[in-house]
C-alpha cells in the first residue's frame, strides 16, 4: 500500500491525515486538500497559493464564481495559516505502526525522529531500506558496515576484520611500514646527492681545464706581442745605419 503524504499532489494537505475531519471552509476547492499557504482572491474565495497560481495560468477567472482574478491581487492569510498549523494530524507512517499525533507545524520535526520512517541504509554500497528503529539491528549484520576503530587508531573496520583487529599490532605494522618508507626515501636522496657531488666534481674539473687553457692562451698572446715588438726593433736598426753613411 502506498504511503500517505502530508500534502496532496497539487498543493493542499491530505484530509485523511487530520485527527478530526477539517471544516469544509478549510478545504481548497481546486485540490480538495486542506489549505496550504492559503490566499484570498478579490472575490473573497480562498485557495492554496500553489493551486490558484497554476489555475490562473490556464484561465484568469475564479474557479468558484468565475469572476476575473488578477494574480497580483491575491493576499496571504497568515492567521488562517497559523490556525491550520495548530491542527492535529496523524503520522504519515501510521500504516507501519506509528500511533503518534502532533500539530501540523511539527510534522517535519517528527519525521526526522519517527522510528517508523523508512530510510536507506547509511552504509555505502548497501541498497536496503528499513525502518529507523531497525537501523541498529541491521548495522550488526550489514555486509557494508564500516566504522573507524573506537580506540582511535584510525583503522576502518568491517564485521569481518573487527574480531581480529589489534590496535598495537596495527600501529606497529604502520610504524614499520613508515620506517621502511623513510629509509627508502633516505637511500634515494643519498644516491641523488652522490650524483650531484659527482657532477659538481666533473664541472670543477672542466672549469679548471678551461682556466688553464685561458692562461696558456694569454701566455701565447704575450709571447706573440713580444716577438712582434722585437721584430719591429730589429727591422728599424739597418735603416738608421744607412742614413748615417
Protein backbone atom coordinates (compact mmCIF):
# COMPACT_ATOMS: atom_id res chain seq x y z
CA UNK A 1 0.00 0.00 0.00
CA UNK A 2 1.43 3.39 -0.93
CA UNK A 3 2.37 5.81 1.85
CA UNK A 4 0.01 8.68 2.50
CA UNK A 5 1.77 12.00 2.06
CA UNK A 6 1.17 15.08 4.19
CA UNK A 7 0.40 17.21 1.12
CA UNK A 8 -1.64 16.28 -1.93
CA UNK A 9 -0.09 16.13 -5.37
CA UNK A 10 -1.36 19.63 -6.21
CA UNK A 11 -0.77 21.70 -3.10
CA UNK A 12 -3.06 21.15 -0.11
CA UNK A 13 -2.71 18.76 2.83
CA UNK A 14 -4.33 15.33 2.67
CA UNK A 15 -7.65 15.49 4.56
CA UNK A 16 -7.32 11.89 5.77
CA UNK A 17 -4.21 12.70 7.83
CA UNK A 18 -6.04 15.00 10.22
CA UNK A 19 -7.23 13.58 13.53
CA UNK A 20 -10.52 15.48 13.29
CA UNK A 21 -12.29 16.00 9.99
CA UNK A 22 -11.41 19.53 8.83
CA UNK A 23 -14.17 22.08 8.32
CA UNK A 24 -15.22 22.38 4.68
CA UNK A 25 -14.18 26.05 4.73
CA UNK A 26 -10.61 24.91 5.20
CA UNK A 27 -10.64 22.72 2.09
CA UNK A 28 -9.23 24.06 -1.19
CA UNK A 29 -11.82 23.94 -3.99
CA UNK A 30 -9.14 23.14 -6.57
CA UNK A 31 -7.15 20.28 -4.99
CA UNK A 32 -9.71 19.17 -2.35
CA UNK A 33 -6.96 19.19 0.27
CA UNK A 34 -6.70 21.27 3.45
CA UNK A 35 -5.43 24.74 2.57
CA UNK A 36 -1.68 25.02 2.30
CA UNK A 37 -0.35 28.60 2.35
CA UNK A 38 -3.92 29.96 1.97
CA UNK A 39 -4.52 33.05 -0.16
CA UNK A 40 -7.67 35.09 -0.77
CA UNK A 41 -8.72 36.44 -4.15
CA UNK A 42 -10.53 39.75 -4.64
CA UNK A 43 -13.81 37.82 -4.79
CA UNK A 44 -13.08 36.54 -1.22
CA UNK A 45 -12.70 32.88 -2.22
CA UNK A 46 -9.73 31.12 -0.59
CA UNK A 47 -7.36 28.64 -2.21
CA UNK A 48 -3.93 27.13 -1.76
CA UNK A 49 -1.39 29.56 -3.17
CA UNK A 50 0.16 26.97 -5.48
CA UNK A 51 -3.24 25.77 -6.71
CA UNK A 52 -4.64 29.16 -7.65
CA UNK A 53 -1.42 30.27 -9.37
CA UNK A 54 -1.46 27.11 -11.50
CA UNK A 55 -5.16 27.65 -12.24
CA UNK A 56 -4.56 31.25 -13.36
CA UNK A 57 -2.02 30.08 -15.91
CA UNK A 58 -4.88 28.39 -17.74
CA UNK A 59 -7.64 30.93 -17.17
CA UNK A 60 -7.75 34.15 -15.18
CA UNK A 61 -11.11 33.58 -13.53
CA UNK A 62 -12.10 32.31 -10.09
CA UNK A 63 -12.88 28.56 -10.19
CA UNK A 64 -15.82 29.16 -7.81
CA UNK A 65 -17.62 32.25 -9.11
CA UNK A 66 -15.89 32.75 -12.49
CA UNK A 67 -15.11 36.38 -11.74
CA UNK A 68 -11.84 37.78 -13.15
CA UNK A 69 -8.84 37.23 -10.86
CA UNK A 70 -5.62 39.21 -11.02
CA UNK A 71 -2.62 37.21 -9.72
CA UNK A 72 -1.13 40.40 -8.28
CA UNK A 73 -4.26 40.96 -6.18
CA UNK A 74 -4.27 37.81 -4.08
CA UNK A 75 -3.36 38.07 -0.42
CA UNK A 76 -1.73 35.63 2.01
CA UNK A 77 -3.84 34.78 5.05
CA UNK A 78 -1.24 34.45 7.81
CA UNK A 79 -3.66 33.97 10.72
CA UNK A 80 -5.55 31.22 8.90
CA UNK A 81 -2.24 29.53 8.01
CA UNK A 82 -1.21 29.54 11.70
CA UNK A 83 -4.59 28.14 12.75
CA UNK A 84 -4.23 25.28 10.27
CA UNK A 85 -0.68 24.70 11.53
CA UNK A 86 -2.07 24.05 15.03
CA UNK A 87 -4.47 21.34 13.84
CA UNK A 88 -3.62 17.81 14.92
CA UNK A 89 -2.56 15.25 12.33
CA UNK A 90 -1.61 11.59 12.39
CA UNK A 91 1.85 10.41 11.39
CA UNK A 92 2.17 9.53 7.71
CA UNK A 93 3.81 6.30 8.91
CA UNK A 94 0.65 5.18 10.69
CA UNK A 95 0.38 2.28 8.23
CA UNK A 96 3.73 0.98 9.56
CA UNK A 97 2.75 1.27 13.20
CA UNK A 98 3.31 4.87 14.37
CA UNK A 99 0.38 5.98 16.52
CA UNK A 100 1.61 9.45 17.44
CA UNK A 101 -0.34 12.64 16.75
CA UNK A 102 1.05 16.16 16.70
CA UNK A 103 0.46 19.63 15.31
CA UNK A 104 0.76 20.02 11.54
CA UNK A 105 3.60 22.52 12.10
CA UNK A 106 5.57 19.79 13.95
CA UNK A 107 5.32 17.26 11.14
CA UNK A 108 8.85 17.82 9.79
CA UNK A 109 10.50 17.54 13.22
CA UNK A 110 8.59 14.33 13.92
CA UNK A 111 9.61 12.77 10.58
CA UNK A 112 13.27 13.35 11.49
CA UNK A 113 12.92 11.16 14.58
CA UNK A 114 9.99 8.85 13.79
CA UNK A 115 11.01 5.25 14.45
CA UNK A 116 8.71 4.08 11.66
CA UNK A 117 10.20 6.33 8.97
CA UNK A 118 11.50 4.31 6.02
CA UNK A 119 15.11 5.30 5.32
CA UNK A 120 18.00 3.86 3.28
CA UNK A 121 20.89 2.07 4.96
CA UNK A 122 23.60 4.70 5.67
CA UNK A 123 26.49 2.43 4.67
CA UNK A 124 27.88 2.96 1.18
CA UNK A 125 27.07 0.14 -1.20
CA UNK A 126 24.06 -1.18 0.72
CA UNK A 127 20.72 -0.67 -1.03
CA UNK A 128 18.48 -1.82 1.80
CA UNK A 129 15.65 0.39 3.02
CA UNK A 130 14.38 -0.13 6.54
CA UNK A 131 12.58 1.48 9.44
CA UNK A 132 14.63 3.84 11.57
CA UNK A 133 14.02 1.64 14.61
CA UNK A 134 15.68 -1.31 12.83
CA UNK A 135 18.88 0.53 11.90
CA UNK A 136 20.96 -0.76 14.83
CA UNK A 137 19.91 -4.37 14.25
CA UNK A 138 20.62 -4.07 10.54
CA UNK A 139 24.04 -2.50 11.19
CA UNK A 140 25.14 -5.54 13.21
CA UNK A 141 24.69 -7.75 10.15
CA UNK A 142 25.17 -5.40 7.18
CA UNK A 143 27.98 -6.58 4.90
CA UNK A 144 28.71 -2.95 4.00
CA UNK A 145 29.16 -1.81 7.62
CA UNK A 146 32.34 0.25 8.02
CA UNK A 147 33.48 2.17 11.10
CA UNK A 148 36.81 3.57 12.35
CA UNK A 149 38.32 1.74 15.31
CA UNK A 150 36.76 3.02 18.54
CA UNK A 151 40.21 3.02 20.20
CA UNK A 152 41.31 5.80 17.88
CA UNK A 153 43.99 4.06 15.82
CA UNK A 154 42.27 5.21 12.62
CA UNK A 155 41.77 1.78 11.06
CA UNK A 156 38.49 1.36 9.15
CA UNK A 157 36.91 -1.89 10.26
CA UNK A 158 34.31 -4.22 8.79
CA UNK A 159 32.45 -7.01 10.58
CA UNK A 160 34.98 -9.47 9.14
CA UNK A 161 38.08 -7.59 10.30
CA UNK A 162 36.73 -6.27 13.60
CA UNK A 163 37.23 -9.51 15.57
CA UNK A 164 40.86 -9.93 14.51
CA UNK A 165 41.78 -6.26 14.83
CA UNK A 166 44.59 -5.42 17.29
CA UNK A 167 45.44 -1.74 17.67
CA UNK A 168 49.01 -2.35 18.89
CA UNK A 169 49.73 -4.76 16.06
CA UNK A 170 48.17 -2.42 13.50
CA UNK A 171 50.11 0.60 14.74
CA UNK A 172 53.30 -1.45 14.87
CA UNK A 173 52.83 -2.53 11.27
CA UNK A 174 52.12 1.04 10.20
CA UNK A 175 55.20 2.26 12.09
CA UNK A 176 57.43 -0.37 10.46
CA UNK A 177 55.99 0.43 7.03
CA UNK A 178 56.64 4.12 7.70
CA UNK A 179 60.23 3.38 8.73
CA UNK A 180 60.79 1.34 5.57
CA UNK A 181 59.37 4.15 3.52
CA UNK A 182 61.61 6.70 5.23
CA UNK A 183 64.67 4.52 4.68
CA UNK A 184 63.82 4.14 1.01
CA UNK A 185 63.44 7.91 0.70
CA UNK A 186 66.75 8.48 2.51
CA UNK A 187 68.53 5.98 0.23
CA UNK A 188 67.11 7.67 -2.84
CA UNK A 189 68.20 11.09 -1.58
CA UNK A 190 71.69 9.80 -0.84
CA UNK A 191 72.01 8.45 -4.37
CA UNK A 192 70.88 11.79 -5.77
CA UNK A 193 73.38 13.63 -3.56
CA UNK A 194 76.21 11.39 -4.74
CA UNK A 195 75.24 12.01 -8.35
CA UNK A 196 75.15 15.75 -7.71
CA UNK A 197 78.54 15.65 -6.00
CA UNK A 198 79.97 13.68 -8.91
CA UNK A 199 78.51 16.18 -11.36
CA UNK A 200 79.93 19.10 -9.36
CA UNK A 201 83.38 17.47 -9.24
CA UNK A 202 83.27 16.95 -13.01
CA UNK A 203 82.18 20.56 -13.53
CA UNK A 204 85.01 21.83 -11.30
CA UNK A 205 87.49 19.76 -13.31
CA UNK A 206 86.14 21.17 -16.56
CA UNK A 207 86.28 24.71 -15.20
CA UNK A 208 89.88 24.12 -14.10
CA UNK A 209 90.82 22.89 -17.58
CA UNK A 210 89.12 25.90 -19.15
CA UNK A 211 91.01 28.24 -16.83
CA UNK A 212 94.31 26.53 -17.67
CA UNK A 213 93.54 26.85 -21.37
CA UNK A 214 92.79 30.54 -20.97
CA UNK A 215 96.10 31.08 -19.12
CA UNK A 216 98.01 29.31 -21.87
CA UNK A 217 96.29 31.41 -24.49
CA UNK A 218 97.17 34.57 -22.54
CA UNK A 219 100.81 33.47 -22.33
CA UNK A 220 100.90 32.77 -26.06
CA UNK A 221 99.35 36.13 -26.75
CA UNK A 222 102.02 37.87 -24.63
CA UNK A 223 104.80 35.96 -26.37
CA UNK A 224 103.41 36.92 -29.75
CA UNK A 225 103.27 40.58 -28.73
CA UNK A 226 106.89 40.43 -27.50
CA UNK A 227 108.02 38.77 -30.74
CA UNK A 228 106.28 41.44 -32.79
CA UNK A 229 107.97 44.18 -30.75
CA UNK A 230 111.42 42.69 -31.20
CA UNK A 231 110.84 42.24 -34.92
CA UNK A 232 109.92 45.88 -35.38
CA UNK A 233 113.02 47.00 -33.44
CA UNK A 234 115.37 44.76 -35.44
CA UNK A 235 113.91 45.83 -38.77
CA UNK A 236 114.39 49.55 -37.90
CA UNK A 237 118.17 49.39 -36.99
CA UNK A 238 119.72 48.87 -40.51
CA UNK A 239 117.69 51.72 -41.91
CA UNK A 240 119.22 54.06 -39.35
CA UNK A 241 122.87 52.96 -40.24
CA UNK A 242 122.35 53.55 -43.98
CA UNK A 243 121.19 57.07 -43.45
CA UNK A 244 124.27 57.85 -41.38
CA UNK A 245 126.64 56.58 -44.15
